[in-house]
C-alpha atoms as a PDB file:
ATOM      1  CA  UNK A   1      -5.982 -49.049 -24.161  1.00  0.00           C
ATOM      2  CA  UNK A   2      -2.358 -48.870 -25.396  1.00  0.00           C
ATOM      3  CA  UNK A   3       0.162 -50.281 -22.808  1.00  0.00           C
ATOM      4  CA  UNK A   4       3.824 -51.006 -22.580  1.00  0.00           C
ATOM      5  CA  UNK A   5       4.061 -54.564 -21.384  1.00  0.00           C
ATOM      6  CA  UNK A   6       6.841 -57.181 -20.633  1.00  0.00           C
ATOM      7  CA  UNK A   7       6.492 -60.732 -19.737  1.00  0.00           C
ATOM      8  CA  UNK A   8      10.206 -61.887 -19.231  1.00  0.00           C
ATOM      9  CA  UNK A   9      13.009 -60.198 -17.737  1.00  0.00           C
ATOM     10  CA  UNK A  10      15.947 -58.582 -19.524  1.00  0.00           C
ATOM     11  CA  UNK A  11      17.394 -55.506 -21.426  1.00  0.00           C
ATOM     12  CA  UNK A  12      14.626 -53.036 -22.091  1.00  0.00           C
ATOM     13  CA  UNK A  13      14.978 -53.225 -25.751  1.00  0.00           C
ATOM     14  CA  UNK A  14      14.415 -57.080 -25.805  1.00  0.00           C
ATOM     15  CA  UNK A  15      11.583 -57.207 -23.402  1.00  0.00           C
ATOM     16  CA  UNK A  16       9.257 -54.229 -23.467  1.00  0.00           C
ATOM     17  CA  UNK A  17       6.877 -54.085 -26.454  1.00  0.00           C
ATOM     18  CA  UNK A  18       3.511 -52.337 -26.870  1.00  0.00           C
ATOM     19  CA  UNK A  19       0.221 -53.897 -26.930  1.00  0.00           C
ATOM     20  CA  UNK A  20      -3.498 -53.035 -27.032  1.00  0.00           C
ATOM     21  CA  UNK A  21      -5.361 -54.218 -24.202  1.00  0.00           C
ATOM     22  CA  UNK A  22      -9.117 -54.207 -22.800  1.00  0.00           C
ATOM     23  CA  UNK A  23      -9.817 -50.919 -20.810  1.00  0.00           C
ATOM     24  CA  UNK A  24      -9.732 -51.677 -17.136  1.00  0.00           C
ATOM     25  CA  UNK A  25     -12.764 -51.509 -14.935  1.00  0.00           C
ATOM     26  CA  UNK A  26     -12.377 -50.077 -11.471  1.00  0.00           C
ATOM     27  CA  UNK A  27     -13.278 -52.541  -8.645  1.00  0.00           C
ATOM     28  CA  UNK A  28     -14.729 -51.607  -5.172  1.00  0.00           C
ATOM     29  CA  UNK A  29     -12.770 -48.721  -3.513  1.00  0.00           C
ATOM     30  CA  UNK A  30     -10.976 -48.216  -6.915  1.00  0.00           C
ATOM     31  CA  UNK A  31     -10.574 -45.149  -9.202  1.00  0.00           C
ATOM     32  CA  UNK A  32      -9.771 -45.268 -12.964  1.00  0.00           C
ATOM     33  CA  UNK A  33      -7.106 -42.705 -14.060  1.00  0.00           C
ATOM     34  CA  UNK A  34      -7.016 -41.835 -17.817  1.00  0.00           C
ATOM     35  CA  UNK A  35      -3.241 -41.184 -17.603  1.00  0.00           C
ATOM     36  CA  UNK A  36      -1.450 -38.290 -19.120  1.00  0.00           C
ATOM     37  CA  UNK A  37       2.227 -39.130 -17.825  1.00  0.00           C
ATOM     38  CA  UNK A  38       3.945 -42.131 -16.222  1.00  0.00           C
ATOM     39  CA  UNK A  39       7.088 -41.535 -14.004  1.00  0.00           C
ATOM     40  CA  UNK A  40      10.093 -43.901 -14.708  1.00  0.00           C
ATOM     41  CA  UNK A  41      11.897 -44.635 -11.382  1.00  0.00           C
ATOM     42  CA  UNK A  42      15.125 -46.711 -10.581  1.00  0.00           C
ATOM     43  CA  UNK A  43      12.753 -49.482  -8.913  1.00  0.00           C
ATOM     44  CA  UNK A  44      10.643 -49.890 -12.142  1.00  0.00           C
ATOM     45  CA  UNK A  45      13.766 -50.587 -14.340  1.00  0.00           C
ATOM     46  CA  UNK A  46      15.374 -52.879 -11.696  1.00  0.00           C
ATOM     47  CA  UNK A  47      11.837 -54.766 -11.279  1.00  0.00           C
ATOM     48  CA  UNK A  48      12.004 -55.251 -15.532  1.00  0.00           C
ATOM     49  CA  UNK A  49      15.815 -56.085 -15.694  1.00  0.00           C
ATOM     50  CA  UNK A  50      15.826 -59.162 -13.388  1.00  0.00           C
ATOM     51  CA  UNK A  51      13.469 -61.671 -11.987  1.00  0.00           C
ATOM     52  CA  UNK A  52      11.917 -60.146  -9.101  1.00  0.00           C
ATOM     53  CA  UNK A  53       8.643 -59.325  -7.250  1.00  0.00           C
ATOM     54  CA  UNK A  54       7.048 -59.431 -10.793  1.00  0.00           C
ATOM     55  CA  UNK A  55       7.964 -62.959 -11.540  1.00  0.00           C
ATOM     56  CA  UNK A  56       4.620 -63.891  -9.970  1.00  0.00           C
ATOM     57  CA  UNK A  57       2.823 -62.117 -12.957  1.00  0.00           C
ATOM     58  CA  UNK A  58       2.285 -63.560 -16.541  1.00  0.00           C
ATOM     59  CA  UNK A  59       2.451 -59.991 -17.995  1.00  0.00           C
ATOM     60  CA  UNK A  60       3.582 -56.602 -16.470  1.00  0.00           C
ATOM     61  CA  UNK A  61       2.620 -53.151 -17.347  1.00  0.00           C
ATOM     62  CA  UNK A  62       5.458 -51.295 -15.692  1.00  0.00           C
ATOM     63  CA  UNK A  63       5.824 -48.061 -13.403  1.00  0.00           C
ATOM     64  CA  UNK A  64       4.351 -47.095  -9.992  1.00  0.00           C
ATOM     65  CA  UNK A  65       4.011 -43.347 -10.312  1.00  0.00           C
ATOM     66  CA  UNK A  66       1.773 -41.480 -12.817  1.00  0.00           C
ATOM     67  CA  UNK A  67      -0.809 -38.480 -13.334  1.00  0.00           C
ATOM     68  CA  UNK A  68      -3.982 -37.852 -15.186  1.00  0.00           C
ATOM     69  CA  UNK A  69      -7.744 -37.496 -14.584  1.00  0.00           C
ATOM     70  CA  UNK A  70     -10.231 -39.987 -12.875  1.00  0.00           C
ATOM     71  CA  UNK A  71     -12.540 -40.865 -15.359  1.00  0.00           C
ATOM     72  CA  UNK A  72     -14.791 -43.579 -13.718  1.00  0.00           C
ATOM     73  CA  UNK A  73     -15.058 -45.010 -10.019  1.00  0.00           C
ATOM     74  CA  UNK A  74     -15.894 -48.338  -8.703  1.00  0.00           C
ATOM     75  CA  UNK A  75     -18.246 -49.199  -5.876  1.00  0.00           C
ATOM     76  CA  UNK A  76     -17.852 -47.332  -2.600  1.00  0.00           C
ATOM     77  CA  UNK A  77     -15.961 -44.292  -4.045  1.00  0.00           C
ATOM     78  CA  UNK A  78     -17.842 -41.014  -4.335  1.00  0.00           C
ATOM     79  CA  UNK A  79     -18.943 -40.184  -7.925  1.00  0.00           C
ATOM     80  CA  UNK A  80     -17.894 -36.625  -7.261  1.00  0.00           C
ATOM     81  CA  UNK A  81     -14.215 -37.749  -7.730  1.00  0.00           C
ATOM     82  CA  UNK A  82     -14.880 -38.278 -11.554  1.00  0.00           C
ATOM     83  CA  UNK A  83     -13.084 -35.360 -13.388  1.00  0.00           C
ATOM     84  CA  UNK A  84     -10.601 -34.858 -10.505  1.00  0.00           C
ATOM     85  CA  UNK A  85      -7.070 -34.300 -11.572  1.00  0.00           C
ATOM     86  CA  UNK A  86      -4.812 -36.596  -9.513  1.00  0.00           C
ATOM     87  CA  UNK A  87      -1.280 -38.027  -8.925  1.00  0.00           C
ATOM     88  CA  UNK A  88      -1.012 -41.750  -8.818  1.00  0.00           C
ATOM     89  CA  UNK A  89       1.826 -43.779  -6.729  1.00  0.00           C
ATOM     90  CA  UNK A  90       2.162 -47.306  -5.843  1.00  0.00           C
ATOM     91  CA  UNK A  91       0.175 -48.616  -8.953  1.00  0.00           C
ATOM     92  CA  UNK A  92       2.437 -51.550  -9.771  1.00  0.00           C
ATOM     93  CA  UNK A  93       3.423 -52.830  -6.219  1.00  0.00           C
ATOM     94  CA  UNK A  94       1.904 -56.007  -5.673  1.00  0.00           C
ATOM     95  CA  UNK A  95      -0.339 -55.937  -8.721  1.00  0.00           C
ATOM     96  CA  UNK A  96       0.661 -56.371 -12.405  1.00  0.00           C
ATOM     97  CA  UNK A  97      -0.803 -53.192 -13.885  1.00  0.00           C
ATOM     98  CA  UNK A  98       1.096 -50.056 -13.580  1.00  0.00           C
ATOM     99  CA  UNK A  99       1.080 -46.589 -15.159  1.00  0.00           C
ATOM    100  CA  UNK A 100       2.574 -47.040 -18.486  1.00  0.00           C
ATOM    101  CA  UNK A 101      -0.641 -47.375 -20.423  1.00  0.00           C
ATOM    102  CA  UNK A 102      -3.648 -45.033 -21.160  1.00  0.00           C
ATOM    103  CA  UNK A 103      -5.461 -46.126 -18.033  1.00  0.00           C
ATOM    104  CA  UNK A 104      -4.898 -47.801 -14.544  1.00  0.00           C
ATOM    105  CA  UNK A 105      -6.965 -48.524 -11.684  1.00  0.00           C
ATOM    106  CA  UNK A 106      -5.832 -48.058  -8.494  1.00  0.00           C
ATOM    107  CA  UNK A 107      -7.272 -47.906  -4.933  1.00  0.00           C
ATOM    108  CA  UNK A 108      -8.792 -44.467  -4.531  1.00  0.00           C
ATOM    109  CA  UNK A 109      -6.233 -43.401  -1.438  1.00  0.00           C
ATOM    110  CA  UNK A 110      -3.378 -44.016  -3.841  1.00  0.00           C
ATOM    111  CA  UNK A 111      -4.723 -41.199  -6.411  1.00  0.00           C
ATOM    112  CA  UNK A 112      -4.615 -38.135  -4.306  1.00  0.00           C
ATOM    113  CA  UNK A 113      -5.605 -34.548  -5.746  1.00  0.00           C
ATOM    114  CA  UNK A 114      -3.028 -32.795  -7.829  1.00  0.00           C
ATOM    115  CA  UNK A 115      -2.413 -29.124  -6.964  1.00  0.00           C
ATOM    116  CA  UNK A 116      -3.691 -26.723  -9.562  1.00  0.00           C
ATOM    117  CA  UNK A 117      -0.400 -25.278 -10.207  1.00  0.00           C
ATOM    118  CA  UNK A 118       0.864 -28.545 -10.985  1.00  0.00           C
ATOM    119  CA  UNK A 119       0.927 -29.988 -14.421  1.00  0.00           C
ATOM    120  CA  UNK A 120       0.618 -34.035 -14.883  1.00  0.00           C
ATOM    121  CA  UNK A 121       4.725 -34.291 -15.875  1.00  0.00           C
ATOM    122  CA  UNK A 122       4.950 -32.945 -12.393  1.00  0.00           C
ATOM    123  CA  UNK A 123       2.203 -35.015 -10.746  1.00  0.00           C
ATOM    124  CA  UNK A 124       4.112 -38.194 -12.209  1.00  0.00           C
ATOM    125  CA  UNK A 125       7.193 -37.389 -10.452  1.00  0.00           C
ATOM    126  CA  UNK A 126       5.516 -37.192  -6.913  1.00  0.00           C
ATOM    127  CA  UNK A 127       5.023 -40.758  -5.834  1.00  0.00           C
ATOM    128  CA  UNK A 128       8.582 -42.504  -5.373  1.00  0.00           C
ATOM    129  CA  UNK A 129      10.607 -39.346  -5.215  1.00  0.00           C
ATOM    130  CA  UNK A 130       8.609 -36.938  -3.621  1.00  0.00           C
ATOM    131  CA  UNK A 131       7.359 -39.286  -0.595  1.00  0.00           C
ATOM    132  CA  UNK A 132      10.457 -41.137  -0.214  1.00  0.00           C
ATOM    133  CA  UNK A 133      12.326 -37.632   0.431  1.00  0.00           C
ATOM    134  CA  UNK A 134       9.647 -36.665   2.681  1.00  0.00           C
ATOM    135  CA  UNK A 135       9.968 -39.630   4.927  1.00  0.00           C
ATOM    136  CA  UNK A 136      13.866 -39.566   4.957  1.00  0.00           C
ATOM    137  CA  UNK A 137      13.403 -35.973   5.900  1.00  0.00           C
ATOM    138  CA  UNK A 138      10.788 -35.977   8.615  1.00  0.00           C
ATOM    139  CA  UNK A 139      10.961 -39.469  10.350  1.00  0.00           C
ATOM    140  CA  UNK A 140      12.373 -39.949  14.028  1.00  0.00           C
ATOM    141  CA  UNK A 141      11.747 -36.025  14.944  1.00  0.00           C
ATOM    142  CA  UNK A 142      12.931 -34.365  11.613  1.00  0.00           C
ATOM    143  CA  UNK A 143      15.634 -32.179  10.960  1.00  0.00           C
ATOM    144  CA  UNK A 144      15.010 -28.625  12.089  1.00  0.00           C
ATOM    145  CA  UNK A 145      17.931 -26.577  13.141  1.00  0.00           C
ATOM    146  CA  UNK A 146      19.989 -29.559  12.214  1.00  0.00           C
ATOM    147  CA  UNK A 147      22.638 -30.624   9.856  1.00  0.00           C
ATOM    148  CA  UNK A 148      21.881 -32.952   6.937  1.00  0.00           C
ATOM    149  CA  UNK A 149      23.951 -34.837   4.509  1.00  0.00           C
ATOM    150  CA  UNK A 150      21.729 -35.874   1.351  1.00  0.00           C
ATOM    151  CA  UNK A 151      23.654 -38.515  -0.917  1.00  0.00           C
ATOM    152  CA  UNK A 152      23.158 -38.219  -4.499  1.00  0.00           C
ATOM    153  CA  UNK A 153      21.875 -34.631  -4.489  1.00  0.00           C
ATOM    154  CA  UNK A 154      21.189 -34.160  -8.098  1.00  0.00           C
ATOM    155  CA  UNK A 155      18.832 -37.264  -8.213  1.00  0.00           C
ATOM    156  CA  UNK A 156      15.077 -37.270  -8.202  1.00  0.00           C
ATOM    157  CA  UNK A 157      14.908 -38.261  -4.747  1.00  0.00           C
ATOM    158  CA  UNK A 158      18.059 -36.231  -3.446  1.00  0.00           C
ATOM    159  CA  UNK A 159      16.705 -33.200  -5.401  1.00  0.00           C
ATOM    160  CA  UNK A 160      13.229 -33.479  -3.374  1.00  0.00           C
ATOM    161  CA  UNK A 161      15.225 -34.467  -0.310  1.00  0.00           C
ATOM    162  CA  UNK A 162      17.143 -31.101  -0.211  1.00  0.00           C
ATOM    163  CA  UNK A 163      14.320 -28.726  -0.802  1.00  0.00           C
ATOM    164  CA  UNK A 164      12.305 -30.431   1.960  1.00  0.00           C
ATOM    165  CA  UNK A 165      14.915 -30.262   4.456  1.00  0.00           C
ATOM    166  CA  UNK A 166      15.733 -26.839   3.867  1.00  0.00           C
ATOM    167  CA  UNK A 167      12.015 -25.749   4.076  1.00  0.00           C
ATOM    168  CA  UNK A 168      12.154 -27.705   7.115  1.00  0.00           C
ATOM    169  CA  UNK A 169      15.160 -25.696   8.758  1.00  0.00           C
ATOM    170  CA  UNK A 170      18.165 -27.467   8.143  1.00  0.00           C
ATOM    171  CA  UNK A 171      21.409 -26.830   6.913  1.00  0.00           C
ATOM    172  CA  UNK A 172      22.113 -29.152   4.040  1.00  0.00           C
ATOM    173  CA  UNK A 173      25.077 -30.809   2.428  1.00  0.00           C
ATOM    174  CA  UNK A 174      24.707 -32.780  -0.629  1.00  0.00           C
ATOM    175  CA  UNK A 175      27.326 -35.383  -2.366  1.00  0.00           C
ATOM    176  CA  UNK A 176      27.371 -35.090  -6.293  1.00  0.00           C
ATOM    177  CA  UNK A 177      29.848 -36.679  -9.002  1.00  0.00           C
ATOM    178  CA  UNK A 178      30.228 -33.673 -11.212  1.00  0.00           C
ATOM    179  CA  UNK A 179      30.226 -29.611 -11.652  1.00  0.00           C
ATOM    180  CA  UNK A 180      26.855 -30.227 -13.336  1.00  0.00           C
ATOM    181  CA  UNK A 181      25.249 -32.013 -10.593  1.00  0.00           C
ATOM    182  CA  UNK A 182      26.495 -29.921  -8.052  1.00  0.00           C
ATOM    183  CA  UNK A 183      24.872 -26.758  -9.520  1.00  0.00           C
ATOM    184  CA  UNK A 184      21.598 -28.528  -9.721  1.00  0.00           C
ATOM    185  CA  UNK A 185      21.976 -29.536  -6.089  1.00  0.00           C
ATOM    186  CA  UNK A 186      22.942 -25.922  -5.152  1.00  0.00           C
ATOM    187  CA  UNK A 187      19.944 -24.581  -6.879  1.00  0.00           C
ATOM    188  CA  UNK A 188      17.499 -26.930  -5.015  1.00  0.00           C
ATOM    189  CA  UNK A 189      19.068 -25.313  -1.937  1.00  0.00           C
ATOM    190  CA  UNK A 190      22.146 -27.096  -0.731  1.00  0.00           C
ATOM    191  CA  UNK A 191      24.504 -25.149   1.284  1.00  0.00           C
ATOM    192  CA  UNK A 192      27.624 -26.880   0.046  1.00  0.00           C
ATOM    193  CA  UNK A 193      28.371 -29.915  -2.339  1.00  0.00           C
ATOM    194  CA  UNK A 194      31.111 -32.578  -2.015  1.00  0.00           C
ATOM    195  CA  UNK A 195      32.361 -34.344  -5.231  1.00  0.00           C
ATOM    196  CA  UNK A 196      32.424 -37.833  -3.650  1.00  0.00           C
ATOM    197  CA  UNK A 197      34.714 -39.028  -6.793  1.00  0.00           C
ATOM    198  CA  UNK A 198      37.217 -36.243  -5.774  1.00  0.00           C
ATOM    199  CA  UNK A 199      36.626 -35.665  -2.123  1.00  0.00           C
ATOM    200  CA  UNK A 200      36.866 -37.379   1.319  1.00  0.00           C
ATOM    201  CA  UNK A 201      33.304 -37.187   1.941  1.00  0.00           C
ATOM    202  CA  UNK A 202      33.711 -37.493   5.892  1.00  0.00           C
ATOM    203  CA  UNK A 203      36.601 -35.492   5.746  1.00  0.00           C
ATOM    204  CA  UNK A 204      34.996 -32.692   4.128  1.00  0.00           C
ATOM    205  CA  UNK A 205      31.717 -32.916   6.239  1.00  0.00           C
ATOM    206  CA  UNK A 206      34.316 -32.534   9.228  1.00  0.00           C
ATOM    207  CA  UNK A 207      35.499 -29.394   7.650  1.00  0.00           C
ATOM    208  CA  UNK A 208      32.127 -27.858   6.889  1.00  0.00           C
ATOM    209  CA  UNK A 209      30.878 -28.790  10.557  1.00  0.00           C
ATOM    210  CA  UNK A 210      33.760 -27.724  12.560  1.00  0.00           C
ATOM    211  CA  UNK A 211      34.591 -31.381  13.261  1.00  0.00           C
ATOM    212  CA  UNK A 212      30.781 -32.141  14.626  1.00  0.00           C
ATOM    213  CA  UNK A 213      29.630 -34.087  11.812  1.00  0.00           C
ATOM    214  CA  UNK A 214      25.939 -34.122  10.695  1.00  0.00           C
ATOM    215  CA  UNK A 215      22.820 -35.175  12.425  1.00  0.00           C
ATOM    216  CA  UNK A 216      21.485 -37.258   9.563  1.00  0.00           C
ATOM    217  CA  UNK A 217      22.606 -38.759   6.537  1.00  0.00           C
ATOM    218  CA  UNK A 218      19.877 -39.553   3.854  1.00  0.00           C
ATOM    219  CA  UNK A 219      21.394 -42.376   1.993  1.00  0.00           C
ATOM    220  CA  UNK A 220      20.754 -43.611  -1.459  1.00  0.00           C
ATOM    221  CA  UNK A 221      22.978 -46.573  -1.674  1.00  0.00           C
ATOM    222  CA  UNK A 222      24.341 -47.928   1.763  1.00  0.00           C
ATOM    223  CA  UNK A 223      26.358 -50.497   0.336  1.00  0.00           C
ATOM    224  CA  UNK A 224      28.656 -48.036  -1.285  1.00  0.00           C
ATOM    225  CA  UNK A 225      28.470 -45.364   1.598  1.00  0.00           C
ATOM    226  CA  UNK A 226      28.512 -47.162   4.651  1.00  0.00           C
ATOM    227  CA  UNK A 227      31.786 -46.005   5.905  1.00  0.00           C
ATOM    228  CA  UNK A 228      31.397 -42.460   4.978  1.00  0.00           C
ATOM    229  CA  UNK A 229      27.891 -42.292   6.389  1.00  0.00           C
ATOM    230  CA  UNK A 230      29.332 -43.548   9.820  1.00  0.00           C
ATOM    231  CA  UNK A 231      32.045 -41.292   9.629  1.00  0.00           C
ATOM    232  CA  UNK A 232      30.201 -38.158   8.663  1.00  0.00           C
ATOM    233  CA  UNK A 233      27.466 -38.810  11.477  1.00  0.00           C
ATOM    234  CA  UNK A 234      27.982 -37.076  14.962  1.00  0.00           C
ATOM    235  CA  UNK A 235      27.242 -39.089  17.988  1.00  0.00           C
ATOM    236  CA  UNK A 236      23.529 -39.842  18.149  1.00  0.00           C
ATOM    237  CA  UNK A 237      22.944 -39.343  14.555  1.00  0.00           C
ATOM    238  CA  UNK A 238      20.705 -41.045  12.228  1.00  0.00           C
ATOM    239  CA  UNK A 239      21.036 -42.736   8.882  1.00  0.00           C
ATOM    240  CA  UNK A 240      17.748 -42.679   6.862  1.00  0.00           C
ATOM    241  CA  UNK A 241      18.369 -45.427   4.179  1.00  0.00           C
ATOM    242  CA  UNK A 242      16.188 -45.986   1.225  1.00  0.00           C
ATOM    243  CA  UNK A 243      18.353 -47.622  -1.111  1.00  0.00           C
ATOM    244  CA  UNK A 244      21.380 -49.972  -1.492  1.00  0.00           C
ATOM    245  CA  UNK A 245      23.428 -51.001  -4.653  1.00  0.00           C
ATOM    246  CA  UNK A 246      23.861 -54.748  -3.309  1.00  0.00           C
ATOM    247  CA  UNK A 247      21.602 -56.921  -1.499  1.00  0.00           C
ATOM    248  CA  UNK A 248      24.001 -57.143   1.439  1.00  0.00           C
ATOM    249  CA  UNK A 249      26.295 -54.522   2.998  1.00  0.00           C
ATOM    250  CA  UNK A 250      29.241 -54.589   5.676  1.00  0.00           C
ATOM    251  CA  UNK A 251      28.715 -52.066   8.370  1.00  0.00           C
ATOM    252  CA  UNK A 252      31.664 -50.583  10.579  1.00  0.00           C
ATOM    253  CA  UNK A 253      29.873 -51.686  13.519  1.00  0.00           C
ATOM    254  CA  UNK A 254      32.557 -50.352  16.149  1.00  0.00           C
ATOM    255  CA  UNK A 255      32.349 -46.686  15.144  1.00  0.00           C
ATOM    256  CA  UNK A 256      28.677 -46.696  14.747  1.00  0.00           C
ATOM    257  CA  UNK A 257      27.896 -48.420  18.335  1.00  0.00           C
ATOM    258  CA  UNK A 258      30.592 -45.728  19.826  1.00  0.00           C
ATOM    259  CA  UNK A 259      28.816 -43.262  18.192  1.00  0.00           C
ATOM    260  CA  UNK A 260      25.377 -44.439  19.481  1.00  0.00           C
ATOM    261  CA  UNK A 261      23.995 -44.219  15.740  1.00  0.00           C
ATOM    262  CA  UNK A 262      20.534 -45.052  14.518  1.00  0.00           C
ATOM    263  CA  UNK A 263      20.119 -46.836  11.004  1.00  0.00           C
ATOM    264  CA  UNK A 264      16.465 -46.416   9.545  1.00  0.00           C
ATOM    265  CA  UNK A 265      15.788 -48.476   6.696  1.00  0.00           C
ATOM    266  CA  UNK A 266      12.368 -47.887   4.732  1.00  0.00           C
ATOM    267  CA  UNK A 267      10.853 -48.556   1.361  1.00  0.00           C
ATOM    268  CA  UNK A 268       8.577 -46.030   0.301  1.00  0.00           C
ATOM    269  CA  UNK A 269       5.948 -48.557  -1.043  1.00  0.00           C
ATOM    270  CA  UNK A 270       5.199 -49.857   2.489  1.00  0.00           C
ATOM    271  CA  UNK A 271       4.464 -47.101   4.268  1.00  0.00           C
ATOM    272  CA  UNK A 272       1.593 -47.356   6.871  1.00  0.00           C
ATOM    273  CA  UNK A 273      -1.880 -45.690   5.463  1.00  0.00           C
ATOM    274  CA  UNK A 274      -1.435 -43.148   8.028  1.00  0.00           C
ATOM    275  CA  UNK A 275       2.182 -42.383   6.717  1.00  0.00           C
ATOM    276  CA  UNK A 276       0.746 -42.116   3.022  1.00  0.00           C
ATOM    277  CA  UNK A 277      -1.906 -39.735   4.063  1.00  0.00           C
ATOM    278  CA  UNK A 278       0.432 -37.478   5.992  1.00  0.00           C
ATOM    279  CA  UNK A 279       3.034 -37.860   3.203  1.00  0.00           C
ATOM    280  CA  UNK A 280       0.490 -37.051   0.410  1.00  0.00           C
ATOM    281  CA  UNK A 281      -0.919 -33.996   2.426  1.00  0.00           C
ATOM    282  CA  UNK A 282       2.615 -32.499   3.073  1.00  0.00           C
ATOM    283  CA  UNK A 283       3.743 -33.248  -0.610  1.00  0.00           C
ATOM    284  CA  UNK A 284       0.655 -31.342  -1.809  1.00  0.00           C
ATOM    285  CA  UNK A 285       1.068 -28.427   0.457  1.00  0.00           C
ATOM    286  CA  UNK A 286       4.681 -27.981  -0.524  1.00  0.00           C
ATOM    287  CA  UNK A 287       3.875 -28.208  -4.260  1.00  0.00           C
ATOM    288  CA  UNK A 288       0.834 -26.007  -3.870  1.00  0.00           C
ATOM    289  CA  UNK A 289       3.279 -23.277  -2.356  1.00  0.00           C
ATOM    290  CA  UNK A 290       6.030 -23.809  -4.965  1.00  0.00           C
ATOM    291  CA  UNK A 291       8.435 -24.930  -2.341  1.00  0.00           C
ATOM    292  CA  UNK A 292       8.871 -28.447  -3.875  1.00  0.00           C
ATOM    293  CA  UNK A 293       9.779 -28.381  -7.616  1.00  0.00           C
ATOM    294  CA  UNK A 294      10.580 -31.258  -9.856  1.00  0.00           C
ATOM    295  CA  UNK A 295      13.500 -31.410 -12.287  1.00  0.00           C
ATOM    296  CA  UNK A 296      12.329 -33.260 -15.373  1.00  0.00           C
ATOM    297  CA  UNK A 297      15.576 -34.390 -17.434  1.00  0.00           C
ATOM    298  CA  UNK A 298      13.803 -36.245 -20.235  1.00  0.00           C
ATOM    299  CA  UNK A 299      10.625 -36.928 -21.790  1.00  0.00           C
ATOM    300  CA  UNK A 300       9.512 -39.857 -24.088  1.00  0.00           C
ATOM    301  CA  UNK A 301       6.576 -41.168 -25.969  1.00  0.00           C
ATOM    302  CA  UNK A 302       5.110 -44.551 -24.916  1.00  0.00           C
ATOM    303  CA  UNK A 303       6.567 -45.840 -28.229  1.00  0.00           C
ATOM    304  CA  UNK A 304       9.922 -45.009 -26.994  1.00  0.00           C
ATOM    305  CA  UNK A 305       9.711 -46.809 -23.241  1.00  0.00           C
ATOM    306  CA  UNK A 306      12.607 -48.601 -24.088  1.00  0.00           C
ATOM    307  CA  UNK A 307      14.682 -45.522 -24.451  1.00  0.00           C
ATOM    308  CA  UNK A 308      13.182 -44.090 -21.229  1.00  0.00           C
ATOM    309  CA  UNK A 309      14.227 -47.149 -19.180  1.00  0.00           C
ATOM    310  CA  UNK A 310      17.768 -47.009 -20.876  1.00  0.00           C
ATOM    311  CA  UNK A 311      18.079 -43.148 -19.833  1.00  0.00           C
ATOM    312  CA  UNK A 312      17.427 -44.139 -16.051  1.00  0.00           C
ATOM    313  CA  UNK A 313      19.421 -47.199 -16.105  1.00  0.00           C
ATOM    314  CA  UNK A 314      22.383 -45.232 -17.754  1.00  0.00           C
ATOM    315  CA  UNK A 315      22.441 -42.467 -15.542  1.00  0.00           C
ATOM    316  CA  UNK A 316      22.151 -40.059 -18.550  1.00  0.00           C
ATOM    317  CA  UNK A 317      19.163 -38.687 -17.313  1.00  0.00           C
ATOM    318  CA  UNK A 318      19.982 -36.169 -14.335  1.00  0.00           C
ATOM    319  CA  UNK A 319      16.463 -35.880 -12.640  1.00  0.00           C
ATOM    320  CA  UNK A 320      13.091 -37.396 -13.212  1.00  0.00           C
ATOM    321  CA  UNK A 321      12.176 -39.421 -16.459  1.00  0.00           C
ATOM    322  CA  UNK A 322       8.559 -39.101 -17.676  1.00  0.00           C
ATOM    323  CA  UNK A 323       6.759 -41.019 -20.417  1.00  0.00           C
ATOM    324  CA  UNK A 324       4.037 -38.725 -22.120  1.00  0.00           C
ATOM    325  CA  UNK A 325       0.551 -40.450 -22.555  1.00  0.00           C
ATOM    326  CA  UNK A 326      -1.670 -37.759 -23.489  1.00  0.00           C
END
């Protein structure tokens, strides 16, 4: 099979290459997916850029997310699954081989059915972005009839979080950095946007909420946003944190404790089996009903995978980036 690989860490153009590898064989409880598309997420490019969790592998095929058709199953998997259209997530979590290849073998539960109205490019964008958004919106009692601030509203996770929060009955505000991104967030359903480069986020939230603040902040970079997140939350509010630009950050503790705030950090890779099942069912239902749409910013061929990584790292791609394999 064709595969993109890296064996050292560094710039995409320097460490990524193409290889021809043996077709993988599914083991017990696994399915093999003939991939049509592979999603490129920020965590994929970060894992390639610097020595990380992938340091334990001699060679890595990158990417967690993908979509395609099951063409073989291992022992203890129903053969009736052969031929099923599926989306794949967590493919390269705690294993060397991800979805930037013609085939990938994963545990059967990591390859849920793809709704009939979704194409493979859409399926390749449902793992990290949609499941992260689902968890951030629905955890700790959800957001029905509440106010929510989504940071990075035009990004892949933010775009999904806006849609899910609106479906759940929330009033949604989103931070953005340009008029283009504001338009994307509003199209997704945001009731108002805040340009964090030009506006005081917390002051604008107080204005929008009559001085009350929001019930929840869905935060993509707590290291950068800690002060604004604390100031934007109302007493008893929750910060659902799924990312940070730095390994450590400073938290304004006295304002946070005075407001009795909750900080819930999570990583989609480590959702429990029950949470995975619930999340996949929820995401599939919203996709099938047309309530959750992806915005694919760029598509690249496998031979151009370095450019795909560069598009994510540079921030030039506003939305999802997909590597096509069909």
